[in-house]
Amino acid sequence: MATGVDGAEGRRSLLKKGLLGGLLLVLGGGSGLAYFPSRDGFAVPQQLLSVTPARFQVLAAIATRVAPSGADGAAVALEVDRILSYAVAETRQDFDKLLGLFENALPGLLLDGRALPFTRLSESGQDEVLESWRTSRLALRRSGYQALRKLCMVAYWTQPSAWAAVGYDPPSGLNAAAMDDSKLGTPEWVAAQAAAAALPPPAGGTP
């Protein structure tokens, strides 16, 4: 899934569109410019790989609004965090700044007329901000919105709970090996193989 983060041009080139875009990213990266702290509306389920706990709150709030109705925003954000762990450090830094730009009250006040962080807005208020990014005249905001939305949608459809909506019935039994192929080489797969190797052989089997 790393190819969804680093393409030929790279996500970072999409996040730096002109002098104004670079300035906005600087504002987004400056946590001291925010008038209010982020709202901790989502529990962090486990250790994060790419984003900070504060940025996770922003990502989960965005995921809740852009993913299909009823989606678990925290679960989607956690999967995005995992996807981003495959990206180069510079790309992850740019996404951190992008999330900061969504959240920061100062650029929000200048561009959207809002004096609250994104996570502290109502659902309708968050939708208005997302729409302003989607239709913005600034390339940075349009490309930033699309990058986050696409990542959230990819992360959403990797969740088994979403498969029933498209009529996908995952295989079971021996055929389930087809599902496990995508996990080959991951830390979880390596740990599972090590645990299996440590088990005693079955009764009557070859030691």
N, C-alpha and C. Protein backbone atom coordinates (compact mmCIF):
# COMPACT_ATOMS: atom_id res chain seq x y z
N MET A 1 0.82 -1.21 0.00
CA MET A 1 0.00 0.00 0.00
C MET A 1 0.85 1.25 0.00
N ALA A 2 2.17 1.08 0.00
CA ALA A 2 3.05 2.24 0.01
C ALA A 2 2.94 3.03 -1.27
N THR A 3 2.56 2.37 -2.37
CA THR A 3 2.45 3.07 -3.63
C THR A 3 1.36 4.11 -3.61
N GLY A 4 0.40 3.99 -2.69
CA GLY A 4 -0.65 4.99 -2.59
C GLY A 4 -0.17 6.26 -1.90
N VAL A 5 1.03 6.21 -1.31
CA VAL A 5 1.55 7.36 -0.61
C VAL A 5 2.65 8.05 -1.40
N ASP A 6 3.55 7.29 -2.00
CA ASP A 6 4.67 7.84 -2.75
C ASP A 6 4.54 7.45 -4.21
N GLY A 7 4.13 8.39 -5.05
CA GLY A 7 4.06 8.16 -6.48
C GLY A 7 5.28 8.74 -7.15
N ALA A 8 5.23 8.82 -8.52
CA ALA A 8 6.37 9.34 -9.27
C ALA A 8 6.67 10.77 -8.89
N GLU A 9 5.62 11.55 -8.73
CA GLU A 9 5.82 12.95 -8.37
C GLU A 9 5.95 13.11 -6.86
N GLY A 10 5.22 12.24 -6.12
CA GLY A 10 5.28 12.29 -4.65
C GLY A 10 4.21 13.20 -4.10
N ARG A 11 3.66 12.78 -2.95
CA ARG A 11 2.63 13.58 -2.32
C ARG A 11 3.15 14.96 -1.93
N ARG A 12 4.44 15.04 -1.55
CA ARG A 12 4.94 16.30 -1.04
C ARG A 12 4.89 17.39 -2.11
N SER A 13 5.04 17.02 -3.40
CA SER A 13 4.96 18.03 -4.44
C SER A 13 3.54 18.55 -4.59
N LEU A 14 2.55 17.73 -4.19
CA LEU A 14 1.16 18.16 -4.24
C LEU A 14 0.83 19.11 -3.11
N LEU A 15 1.67 19.13 -2.08
CA LEU A 15 1.37 19.94 -0.91
C LEU A 15 2.13 21.26 -0.91
N LYS A 16 2.89 21.53 -1.96
CA LYS A 16 3.63 22.78 -2.03
C LYS A 16 3.36 23.43 -3.38
N LYS A 17 2.29 24.15 -3.48
CA LYS A 17 1.86 24.79 -4.70
C LYS A 17 2.02 26.29 -4.56
N GLY A 18 3.21 26.78 -4.92
CA GLY A 18 3.43 28.21 -4.90
C GLY A 18 3.86 28.75 -3.55
N LEU A 19 4.21 30.04 -3.53
CA LEU A 19 4.69 30.69 -2.31
C LEU A 19 3.65 30.68 -1.21
N LEU A 20 2.38 30.96 -1.56
CA LEU A 20 1.33 30.98 -0.55
C LEU A 20 1.13 29.60 0.05
N GLY A 21 1.21 28.55 -0.79
CA GLY A 21 1.07 27.19 -0.27
C GLY A 21 2.15 26.86 0.73
N GLY A 22 3.40 27.26 0.44
CA GLY A 22 4.49 27.02 1.38
C GLY A 22 4.28 27.76 2.68
N LEU A 23 3.79 29.01 2.58
CA LEU A 23 3.52 29.79 3.79
C LEU A 23 2.44 29.14 4.63
N LEU A 24 1.41 28.62 3.99
CA LEU A 24 0.33 27.97 4.72
C LEU A 24 0.82 26.73 5.45
N LEU A 25 1.73 25.98 4.81
CA LEU A 25 2.26 24.80 5.48
C LEU A 25 3.08 25.19 6.70
N VAL A 26 3.79 26.31 6.61
CA VAL A 26 4.53 26.80 7.77
C VAL A 26 3.57 27.13 8.91
N LEU A 27 2.44 27.78 8.58
CA LEU A 27 1.44 28.09 9.59
C LEU A 27 0.87 26.81 10.20
N GLY A 28 0.61 25.83 9.34
CA GLY A 28 0.05 24.58 9.83
C GLY A 28 1.01 23.83 10.73
N GLY A 29 2.31 23.98 10.50
CA GLY A 29 3.28 23.28 11.32
C GLY A 29 3.57 23.96 12.63
N GLY A 30 3.11 25.20 12.78
CA GLY A 30 3.39 25.93 14.02
C GLY A 30 2.28 25.77 15.02
N SER A 31 2.44 24.80 15.93
CA SER A 31 1.37 24.54 16.90
C SER A 31 1.11 25.74 17.80
N GLY A 32 2.12 26.61 17.96
CA GLY A 32 1.94 27.75 18.84
C GLY A 32 1.00 28.79 18.28
N LEU A 33 0.66 28.69 16.99
CA LEU A 33 -0.23 29.67 16.38
C LEU A 33 -1.70 29.33 16.62
N ALA A 34 -1.98 28.14 17.09
CA ALA A 34 -3.38 27.77 17.33
C ALA A 34 -3.88 28.43 18.60
N TYR A 35 -5.09 28.99 18.52
CA TYR A 35 -5.65 29.67 19.69
C TYR A 35 -6.18 28.68 20.72
N PHE A 36 -6.63 27.53 20.27
CA PHE A 36 -7.22 26.54 21.17
C PHE A 36 -6.58 25.19 20.92
N PRO A 37 -6.46 24.36 21.95
CA PRO A 37 -5.92 23.01 21.75
C PRO A 37 -6.94 22.12 21.04
N SER A 38 -6.46 21.03 20.48
CA SER A 38 -7.34 20.09 19.81
C SER A 38 -8.27 19.41 20.81
N ARG A 39 -9.41 19.00 20.34
CA ARG A 39 -10.36 18.26 21.18
C ARG A 39 -10.03 16.78 21.09
N ASP A 40 -9.87 16.13 22.23
CA ASP A 40 -9.57 14.70 22.27
C ASP A 40 -10.88 13.91 22.21
N GLY A 41 -11.43 13.81 21.03
CA GLY A 41 -12.71 13.14 20.88
C GLY A 41 -12.59 11.66 20.55
N PHE A 42 -11.35 11.20 20.28
CA PHE A 42 -11.16 9.80 19.88
C PHE A 42 -10.07 9.17 20.75
N ALA A 43 -10.33 7.96 21.19
CA ALA A 43 -9.31 7.23 21.93
C ALA A 43 -8.31 6.63 20.96
N VAL A 44 -7.03 6.77 21.27
CA VAL A 44 -5.99 6.18 20.44
C VAL A 44 -5.91 4.69 20.79
N PRO A 45 -6.27 3.79 19.85
CA PRO A 45 -6.38 2.37 20.19
C PRO A 45 -5.06 1.70 20.53
N GLN A 46 -3.97 2.14 19.93
CA GLN A 46 -2.69 1.48 20.15
C GLN A 46 -1.59 2.45 19.77
N GLN A 47 -0.34 2.00 19.88
CA GLN A 47 0.79 2.87 19.57
C GLN A 47 0.75 3.31 18.12
N LEU A 48 0.96 4.60 17.88
CA LEU A 48 0.94 5.15 16.53
C LEU A 48 2.30 5.01 15.87
N LEU A 49 2.29 4.86 14.55
CA LEU A 49 3.52 4.65 13.79
C LEU A 49 4.00 5.92 13.09
N SER A 50 3.08 6.81 12.73
CA SER A 50 3.44 7.93 11.87
C SER A 50 3.00 9.29 12.39
N VAL A 51 1.84 9.38 12.98
CA VAL A 51 1.30 10.67 13.40
C VAL A 51 1.34 10.77 14.92
N THR A 52 1.33 11.99 15.42
CA THR A 52 1.30 12.21 16.86
C THR A 52 -0.13 12.02 17.38
N PRO A 53 -0.30 11.82 18.68
CA PRO A 53 -1.66 11.70 19.22
C PRO A 53 -2.54 12.91 18.89
N ALA A 54 -1.96 14.12 18.90
CA ALA A 54 -2.74 15.32 18.58
C ALA A 54 -3.18 15.31 17.12
N ARG A 55 -2.28 14.93 16.23
CA ARG A 55 -2.63 14.87 14.80
C ARG A 55 -3.60 13.72 14.55
N PHE A 56 -3.52 12.66 15.35
CA PHE A 56 -4.46 11.55 15.20
C PHE A 56 -5.89 12.03 15.42
N GLN A 57 -6.08 12.94 16.37
CA GLN A 57 -7.41 13.49 16.62
C GLN A 57 -7.96 14.20 15.39
N VAL A 58 -7.10 14.96 14.71
CA VAL A 58 -7.51 15.68 13.50
C VAL A 58 -7.83 14.69 12.39
N LEU A 59 -6.95 13.71 12.20
CA LEU A 59 -7.14 12.72 11.15
C LEU A 59 -8.41 11.91 11.37
N ALA A 60 -8.68 11.52 12.61
CA ALA A 60 -9.89 10.75 12.91
C ALA A 60 -11.14 11.58 12.67
N ALA A 61 -11.08 12.88 13.00
CA ALA A 61 -12.23 13.77 12.76
C ALA A 61 -12.49 13.91 11.27
N ILE A 62 -11.42 14.06 10.48
CA ILE A 62 -11.57 14.16 9.03
C ILE A 62 -12.12 12.85 8.46
N ALA A 63 -11.56 11.72 8.91
CA ALA A 63 -12.01 10.42 8.42
C ALA A 63 -13.48 10.19 8.70
N THR A 64 -13.95 10.62 9.86
CA THR A 64 -15.36 10.46 10.21
C THR A 64 -16.27 11.19 9.24
N ARG A 65 -15.81 12.33 8.73
CA ARG A 65 -16.64 13.14 7.84
C ARG A 65 -16.54 12.71 6.38
N VAL A 66 -15.38 12.19 5.93
CA VAL A 66 -15.22 11.88 4.51
C VAL A 66 -15.51 10.42 4.19
N ALA A 67 -15.40 9.53 5.16
CA ALA A 67 -15.70 8.11 4.93
C ALA A 67 -17.21 7.91 4.92
N PRO A 68 -17.69 6.78 4.38
CA PRO A 68 -19.13 6.51 4.37
C PRO A 68 -19.74 6.60 5.75
N SER A 69 -21.02 6.91 5.78
CA SER A 69 -21.74 7.07 7.04
C SER A 69 -21.61 5.83 7.91
N GLY A 70 -21.36 6.05 9.19
CA GLY A 70 -21.22 4.95 10.13
C GLY A 70 -19.81 4.42 10.27
N ALA A 71 -18.87 4.99 9.51
CA ALA A 71 -17.48 4.52 9.58
C ALA A 71 -16.88 4.86 10.94
N ASP A 72 -15.99 4.01 11.41
CA ASP A 72 -15.26 4.23 12.65
C ASP A 72 -14.06 5.11 12.32
N GLY A 73 -14.17 6.40 12.62
CA GLY A 73 -13.13 7.35 12.25
C GLY A 73 -11.79 7.01 12.86
N ALA A 74 -11.78 6.51 14.09
CA ALA A 74 -10.53 6.16 14.75
C ALA A 74 -9.86 4.98 14.06
N ALA A 75 -10.66 3.98 13.66
CA ALA A 75 -10.11 2.81 12.97
C ALA A 75 -9.54 3.20 11.61
N VAL A 76 -10.25 4.07 10.91
CA VAL A 76 -9.77 4.54 9.60
C VAL A 76 -8.47 5.32 9.78
N ALA A 77 -8.44 6.20 10.77
CA ALA A 77 -7.24 7.00 11.02
C ALA A 77 -6.06 6.11 11.40
N LEU A 78 -6.31 5.06 12.16
CA LEU A 78 -5.24 4.15 12.55
C LEU A 78 -4.67 3.44 11.33
N GLU A 79 -5.52 3.09 10.38
CA GLU A 79 -5.04 2.44 9.16
C GLU A 79 -4.25 3.43 8.29
N VAL A 80 -4.71 4.68 8.23
CA VAL A 80 -3.95 5.70 7.50
C VAL A 80 -2.58 5.87 8.14
N ASP A 81 -2.54 5.87 9.46
CA ASP A 81 -1.27 5.96 10.17
C ASP A 81 -0.34 4.82 9.77
N ARG A 82 -0.88 3.62 9.62
CA ARG A 82 -0.07 2.48 9.21
C ARG A 82 0.41 2.65 7.77
N ILE A 83 -0.47 3.11 6.88
CA ILE A 83 -0.09 3.33 5.48
C ILE A 83 1.04 4.35 5.39
N LEU A 84 0.92 5.43 6.15
CA LEU A 84 1.93 6.49 6.11
C LEU A 84 3.28 6.00 6.63
N SER A 85 3.29 4.95 7.43
CA SER A 85 4.56 4.46 7.97
C SER A 85 5.47 3.93 6.87
N TYR A 86 4.90 3.64 5.69
CA TYR A 86 5.70 3.17 4.56
C TYR A 86 6.26 4.32 3.73
N ALA A 87 5.82 5.54 4.00
CA ALA A 87 6.28 6.70 3.25
C ALA A 87 7.61 7.19 3.79
N VAL A 88 8.32 7.99 2.97
CA VAL A 88 9.58 8.56 3.42
C VAL A 88 9.30 9.62 4.48
N ALA A 89 10.32 9.93 5.28
CA ALA A 89 10.14 10.85 6.41
C ALA A 89 9.64 12.21 5.96
N GLU A 90 10.13 12.71 4.83
CA GLU A 90 9.73 14.03 4.36
C GLU A 90 8.25 14.08 4.02
N THR A 91 7.74 12.99 3.45
CA THR A 91 6.31 12.92 3.15
C THR A 91 5.48 12.93 4.43
N ARG A 92 5.94 12.17 5.43
CA ARG A 92 5.21 12.14 6.71
C ARG A 92 5.23 13.52 7.37
N GLN A 93 6.32 14.24 7.24
CA GLN A 93 6.40 15.58 7.81
C GLN A 93 5.42 16.53 7.12
N ASP A 94 5.29 16.41 5.80
CA ASP A 94 4.36 17.26 5.07
C ASP A 94 2.91 16.95 5.46
N PHE A 95 2.61 15.66 5.68
CA PHE A 95 1.26 15.31 6.11
C PHE A 95 0.98 15.82 7.51
N ASP A 96 1.99 15.82 8.34
CA ASP A 96 1.83 16.38 9.68
C ASP A 96 1.48 17.87 9.58
N LYS A 97 2.16 18.58 8.69
CA LYS A 97 1.87 20.00 8.50
C LYS A 97 0.48 20.21 7.89
N LEU A 98 0.10 19.32 6.98
CA LEU A 98 -1.22 19.42 6.36
C LEU A 98 -2.32 19.25 7.41
N LEU A 99 -2.17 18.26 8.28
CA LEU A 99 -3.15 18.06 9.35
C LEU A 99 -3.16 19.27 10.28
N GLY A 100 -1.97 19.83 10.53
CA GLY A 100 -1.90 21.03 11.36
C GLY A 100 -2.61 22.21 10.73
N LEU A 101 -2.53 22.31 9.41
CA LEU A 101 -3.21 23.40 8.70
C LEU A 101 -4.72 23.24 8.80
N PHE A 102 -5.21 22.00 8.74
CA PHE A 102 -6.64 21.75 8.93
C PHE A 102 -7.08 22.19 10.33
N GLU A 103 -6.24 21.93 11.31
CA GLU A 103 -6.63 22.13 12.69
C GLU A 103 -6.41 23.55 13.19
N ASN A 104 -5.34 24.19 12.75
CA ASN A 104 -4.91 25.46 13.30
C ASN A 104 -5.97 26.54 13.15
N ALA A 105 -6.26 27.23 14.24
CA ALA A 105 -7.31 28.24 14.23
C ALA A 105 -6.91 29.51 13.48
N LEU A 106 -5.60 29.82 13.42
CA LEU A 106 -5.19 31.06 12.76
C LEU A 106 -5.42 31.03 11.26
N PRO A 107 -4.87 30.05 10.50
CA PRO A 107 -5.21 30.00 9.08
C PRO A 107 -6.69 29.73 8.86
N GLY A 108 -7.34 29.03 9.81
CA GLY A 108 -8.78 28.82 9.69
C GLY A 108 -9.54 30.12 9.75
N LEU A 109 -9.07 31.04 10.61
CA LEU A 109 -9.71 32.34 10.72
C LEU A 109 -9.47 33.17 9.46
N LEU A 110 -8.25 33.11 8.93
CA LEU A 110 -7.90 33.90 7.75
C LEU A 110 -8.61 33.41 6.49
N LEU A 111 -8.77 32.08 6.36
CA LEU A 111 -9.29 31.51 5.12
C LEU A 111 -10.75 31.10 5.19
N ASP A 112 -11.21 30.72 6.37
CA ASP A 112 -12.59 30.21 6.50
C ASP A 112 -13.45 31.03 7.44
N GLY A 113 -12.85 32.01 8.12
CA GLY A 113 -13.63 32.82 9.05
C GLY A 113 -14.01 32.07 10.31
N ARG A 114 -13.25 31.04 10.69
CA ARG A 114 -13.54 30.28 11.91
C ARG A 114 -12.43 30.51 12.92
N ALA A 115 -12.80 30.63 14.17
CA ALA A 115 -11.82 30.88 15.23
C ALA A 115 -11.62 29.68 16.14
N LEU A 116 -12.09 28.51 15.69
CA LEU A 116 -11.94 27.29 16.48
C LEU A 116 -11.15 26.25 15.68
N PRO A 117 -10.41 25.40 16.35
CA PRO A 117 -9.75 24.30 15.65
C PRO A 117 -10.78 23.40 14.98
N PHE A 118 -10.36 22.67 13.96
CA PHE A 118 -11.26 21.80 13.22
C PHE A 118 -11.93 20.79 14.14
N THR A 119 -11.18 20.23 15.09
CA THR A 119 -11.73 19.19 15.96
C THR A 119 -12.78 19.72 16.92
N ARG A 120 -12.85 21.02 17.12
CA ARG A 120 -13.81 21.60 18.05
C ARG A 120 -15.04 22.16 17.34
N LEU A 121 -15.11 22.00 16.03
CA LEU A 121 -16.28 22.44 15.29
C LEU A 121 -17.39 21.39 15.35
N SER A 122 -18.61 21.82 15.09
CA SER A 122 -19.72 20.88 14.98
C SER A 122 -19.54 20.06 13.70
N GLU A 123 -20.34 19.01 13.55
CA GLU A 123 -20.25 18.19 12.35
C GLU A 123 -20.52 19.01 11.10
N SER A 124 -21.53 19.87 11.15
CA SER A 124 -21.83 20.71 9.99
C SER A 124 -20.70 21.71 9.73
N GLY A 125 -20.11 22.21 10.81
CA GLY A 125 -18.98 23.13 10.66
C GLY A 125 -17.79 22.45 10.02
N GLN A 126 -17.53 21.21 10.41
CA GLN A 126 -16.43 20.46 9.80
C GLN A 126 -16.71 20.20 8.32
N ASP A 127 -17.96 19.88 8.00
CA ASP A 127 -18.31 19.65 6.60
C ASP A 127 -18.09 20.92 5.77
N GLU A 128 -18.40 22.07 6.34
CA GLU A 128 -18.19 23.32 5.63
C GLU A 128 -16.71 23.57 5.36
N VAL A 129 -15.87 23.27 6.34
CA VAL A 129 -14.43 23.44 6.16
C VAL A 129 -13.91 22.50 5.07
N LEU A 130 -14.33 21.26 5.11
CA LEU A 130 -13.90 20.29 4.11
C LEU A 130 -14.35 20.72 2.71
N GLU A 131 -15.55 21.25 2.59
CA GLU A 131 -16.04 21.71 1.29
C GLU A 131 -15.25 22.92 0.81
N SER A 132 -14.87 23.80 1.73
CA SER A 132 -14.07 24.95 1.34
C SER A 132 -12.68 24.53 0.86
N TRP A 133 -12.14 23.47 1.44
CA TRP A 133 -10.87 22.93 0.96
C TRP A 133 -11.05 22.29 -0.41
N ARG A 134 -12.11 21.54 -0.59
CA ARG A 134 -12.34 20.83 -1.85
C ARG A 134 -12.50 21.79 -3.02
N THR A 135 -13.15 22.92 -2.79
CA THR A 135 -13.45 23.86 -3.87
C THR A 135 -12.55 25.10 -3.84
N SER A 136 -11.51 25.09 -3.03
CA SER A 136 -10.66 26.26 -2.85
C SER A 136 -9.96 26.65 -4.15
N ARG A 137 -9.67 27.93 -4.29
CA ARG A 137 -8.87 28.42 -5.42
C ARG A 137 -7.40 28.15 -5.20
N LEU A 138 -7.02 27.78 -3.98
CA LEU A 138 -5.63 27.48 -3.67
C LEU A 138 -5.34 26.00 -3.96
N ALA A 139 -4.35 25.76 -4.81
CA ALA A 139 -4.03 24.38 -5.19
C ALA A 139 -3.62 23.55 -3.98
N LEU A 140 -2.94 24.17 -3.03
CA LEU A 140 -2.52 23.45 -1.82
C LEU A 140 -3.72 22.84 -1.10
N ARG A 141 -4.77 23.63 -0.95
CA ARG A 141 -5.94 23.14 -0.22
C ARG A 141 -6.67 22.07 -1.02
N ARG A 142 -6.83 22.27 -2.32
CA ARG A 142 -7.52 21.27 -3.13
C ARG A 142 -6.76 19.94 -3.13
N SER A 143 -5.45 19.99 -3.39
CA SER A 143 -4.66 18.76 -3.43
C SER A 143 -4.55 18.13 -2.05
N GLY A 144 -4.47 18.96 -1.01
CA GLY A 144 -4.41 18.44 0.35
C GLY A 144 -5.69 17.70 0.72
N TYR A 145 -6.83 18.28 0.35
CA TYR A 145 -8.12 17.63 0.61
C TYR A 145 -8.18 16.28 -0.11
N GLN A 146 -7.81 16.26 -1.39
CA GLN A 146 -7.89 15.03 -2.17
C GLN A 146 -6.96 13.96 -1.61
N ALA A 147 -5.76 14.36 -1.20
CA ALA A 147 -4.80 13.39 -0.65
C ALA A 147 -5.36 12.75 0.62
N LEU A 148 -5.90 13.56 1.51
CA LEU A 148 -6.44 13.02 2.76
C LEU A 148 -7.69 12.18 2.52
N ARG A 149 -8.56 12.66 1.64
CA ARG A 149 -9.78 11.90 1.36
C ARG A 149 -9.46 10.54 0.75
N LYS A 150 -8.56 10.51 -0.22
CA LYS A 150 -8.22 9.24 -0.86
C LYS A 150 -7.57 8.27 0.12
N LEU A 151 -6.70 8.78 0.97
CA LEU A 151 -6.08 7.92 1.97
C LEU A 151 -7.12 7.36 2.93
N CYS A 152 -8.05 8.20 3.34
CA CYS A 152 -9.11 7.75 4.26
C CYS A 152 -9.99 6.70 3.60
N MET A 153 -10.30 6.88 2.31
CA MET A 153 -11.16 5.91 1.63
C MET A 153 -10.43 4.58 1.43
N VAL A 154 -9.16 4.64 1.08
CA VAL A 154 -8.39 3.40 0.96
C VAL A 154 -8.36 2.67 2.30
N ALA A 155 -8.10 3.44 3.36
CA ALA A 155 -8.05 2.84 4.70
C ALA A 155 -9.40 2.27 5.10
N TYR A 156 -10.48 2.95 4.75
CA TYR A 156 -11.82 2.47 5.10
C TYR A 156 -12.11 1.12 4.46
N TRP A 157 -11.78 0.98 3.17
CA TRP A 157 -12.14 -0.25 2.47
C TRP A 157 -11.22 -1.41 2.81
N THR A 158 -10.16 -1.17 3.55
CA THR A 158 -9.36 -2.30 4.06
C THR A 158 -9.95 -2.89 5.33
N GLN A 159 -10.95 -2.21 5.90
CA GLN A 159 -11.58 -2.71 7.13
C GLN A 159 -12.57 -3.82 6.80
N PRO A 160 -12.44 -5.01 7.40
CA PRO A 160 -13.38 -6.09 7.12
C PRO A 160 -14.84 -5.70 7.34
N SER A 161 -15.09 -4.78 8.26
CA SER A 161 -16.47 -4.37 8.54
C SER A 161 -17.10 -3.65 7.36
N ALA A 162 -16.29 -3.17 6.39
CA ALA A 162 -16.83 -2.45 5.24
C ALA A 162 -17.14 -3.36 4.07
N TRP A 163 -16.65 -4.61 4.09
CA TRP A 163 -16.77 -5.47 2.94
C TRP A 163 -18.20 -5.88 2.62
N ALA A 164 -19.02 -6.05 3.64
CA ALA A 164 -20.39 -6.50 3.41
C ALA A 164 -21.17 -5.49 2.56
N ALA A 165 -20.81 -4.21 2.66
CA ALA A 165 -21.52 -3.17 1.91
C ALA A 165 -21.36 -3.33 0.40
N VAL A 166 -20.30 -4.00 -0.03
CA VAL A 166 -20.09 -4.21 -1.47
C VAL A 166 -20.30 -5.68 -1.84
N GLY A 167 -20.87 -6.45 -0.90
CA GLY A 167 -21.20 -7.84 -1.18
C GLY A 167 -20.01 -8.77 -1.20
N TYR A 168 -18.91 -8.38 -0.54
CA TYR A 168 -17.74 -9.26 -0.52
C TYR A 168 -17.79 -10.17 0.69
N ASP A 169 -17.73 -11.47 0.42
CA ASP A 169 -17.72 -12.48 1.48
C ASP A 169 -16.33 -13.08 1.54
N PRO A 170 -15.53 -12.76 2.56
CA PRO A 170 -14.15 -13.25 2.59
C PRO A 170 -14.10 -14.77 2.67
N PRO A 171 -13.09 -15.36 2.04
CA PRO A 171 -12.98 -16.83 2.04
C PRO A 171 -12.69 -17.36 3.43
N SER A 172 -12.99 -18.63 3.62
CA SER A 172 -12.75 -19.29 4.90
C SER A 172 -12.03 -20.61 4.66
N GLY A 173 -11.60 -21.23 5.71
CA GLY A 173 -10.92 -22.52 5.58
C GLY A 173 -9.61 -22.39 4.84
N LEU A 174 -9.33 -23.38 3.97
CA LEU A 174 -8.07 -23.38 3.23
C LEU A 174 -7.98 -22.20 2.28
N ASN A 175 -9.11 -21.77 1.74
CA ASN A 175 -9.10 -20.65 0.80
C ASN A 175 -8.75 -19.34 1.47
N ALA A 176 -8.79 -19.29 2.80
CA ALA A 176 -8.46 -18.05 3.50
C ALA A 176 -7.00 -17.68 3.34
N ALA A 177 -6.18 -18.62 2.86
CA ALA A 177 -4.76 -18.32 2.66
C ALA A 177 -4.59 -17.17 1.67
N ALA A 178 -5.56 -17.00 0.77
CA ALA A 178 -5.48 -15.91 -0.21
C ALA A 178 -5.52 -14.56 0.49
N MET A 179 -6.25 -14.49 1.61
CA MET A 179 -6.30 -13.24 2.36
C MET A 179 -4.98 -12.97 3.07
N ASP A 180 -4.34 -14.02 3.57
CA ASP A 180 -3.13 -13.86 4.36
C ASP A 180 -1.94 -13.46 3.51
N ASP A 181 -2.01 -13.68 2.19
CA ASP A 181 -0.89 -13.32 1.33
C ASP A 181 -0.52 -11.85 1.44
N SER A 182 -1.49 -10.99 1.66
CA SER A 182 -1.22 -9.57 1.72
C SER A 182 -0.45 -9.19 2.98
N LYS A 183 -0.38 -10.11 3.95
CA LYS A 183 0.29 -9.81 5.21
C LYS A 183 1.71 -10.37 5.27
N LEU A 184 2.13 -11.05 4.20
CA LEU A 184 3.45 -11.65 4.21
C LEU A 184 4.53 -10.60 4.41
N GLY A 185 5.42 -10.88 5.35
CA GLY A 185 6.54 -9.98 5.58
C GLY A 185 6.28 -8.87 6.56
N THR A 186 5.02 -8.70 7.00
CA THR A 186 4.72 -7.65 7.97
C THR A 186 5.19 -8.10 9.35
N PRO A 187 5.39 -7.14 10.27
CA PRO A 187 5.80 -7.53 11.64
C PRO A 187 4.84 -8.51 12.29
N GLU A 188 3.53 -8.34 12.02
CA GLU A 188 2.55 -9.25 12.61
C GLU A 188 2.73 -10.66 12.07
N TRP A 189 2.99 -10.77 10.74
CA TRP A 189 3.18 -12.08 10.11
C TRP A 189 4.44 -12.75 10.65
N VAL A 190 5.53 -11.97 10.77
CA VAL A 190 6.78 -12.52 11.29
C VAL A 190 6.59 -13.04 12.71
N ALA A 191 5.87 -12.25 13.54
CA ALA A 191 5.64 -12.66 14.92
C ALA A 191 4.80 -13.94 14.97
N ALA A 192 3.80 -14.05 14.09
CA ALA A 192 2.95 -15.23 14.07
C ALA A 192 3.75 -16.47 13.66
N GLN A 193 4.66 -16.29 12.68
CA GLN A 193 5.47 -17.42 12.23
C GLN A 193 6.42 -17.87 13.34
N ALA A 194 6.98 -16.89 14.06
CA ALA A 194 7.89 -17.24 15.15
C ALA A 194 7.15 -17.98 16.26
N ALA A 195 5.92 -17.53 16.55
CA ALA A 195 5.13 -18.19 17.59
C ALA A 195 4.77 -19.61 17.17
N ALA A 196 4.44 -19.78 15.88
CA ALA A 196 4.09 -21.11 15.40
C ALA A 196 5.28 -22.06 15.44
N ALA A 197 6.47 -21.52 15.14
CA ALA A 197 7.68 -22.35 15.15
C ALA A 197 8.04 -22.81 16.55
N ALA A 198 7.60 -22.05 17.55
CA ALA A 198 7.93 -22.39 18.93
C ALA A 198 6.99 -23.43 19.51
N LEU A 199 5.88 -23.73 18.83
CA LEU A 199 4.91 -24.70 19.33
C LEU A 199 5.46 -26.12 19.19
N PRO A 200 5.11 -27.01 20.12
CA PRO A 200 5.55 -28.40 20.00
C PRO A 200 4.84 -29.07 18.82
N PRO A 201 5.46 -30.06 18.16
CA PRO A 201 4.81 -30.74 17.03
C PRO A 201 3.55 -31.47 17.49
N PRO A 202 2.58 -31.67 16.62
CA PRO A 202 1.36 -32.38 16.98
C PRO A 202 1.64 -33.84 17.33
N ALA A 203 0.77 -34.41 18.12
CA ALA A 203 0.95 -35.82 18.55
C ALA A 203 1.04 -36.71 17.34
N GLY A 204 2.07 -37.55 17.31
CA GLY A 204 2.23 -38.47 16.20
C GLY A 204 2.96 -37.87 15.03
N GLY A 205 3.31 -36.58 15.11
CA GLY A 205 3.99 -35.92 14.01
C GLY A 205 5.48 -36.10 14.11
N THR A 206 6.16 -35.62 13.10
CA THR A 206 7.62 -35.69 13.07
C THR A 206 8.22 -34.61 13.95
N PRO A 207 9.08 -34.91 14.91
CA PRO A 207 9.65 -33.92 15.79
C PRO A 207 10.60 -33.00 15.04
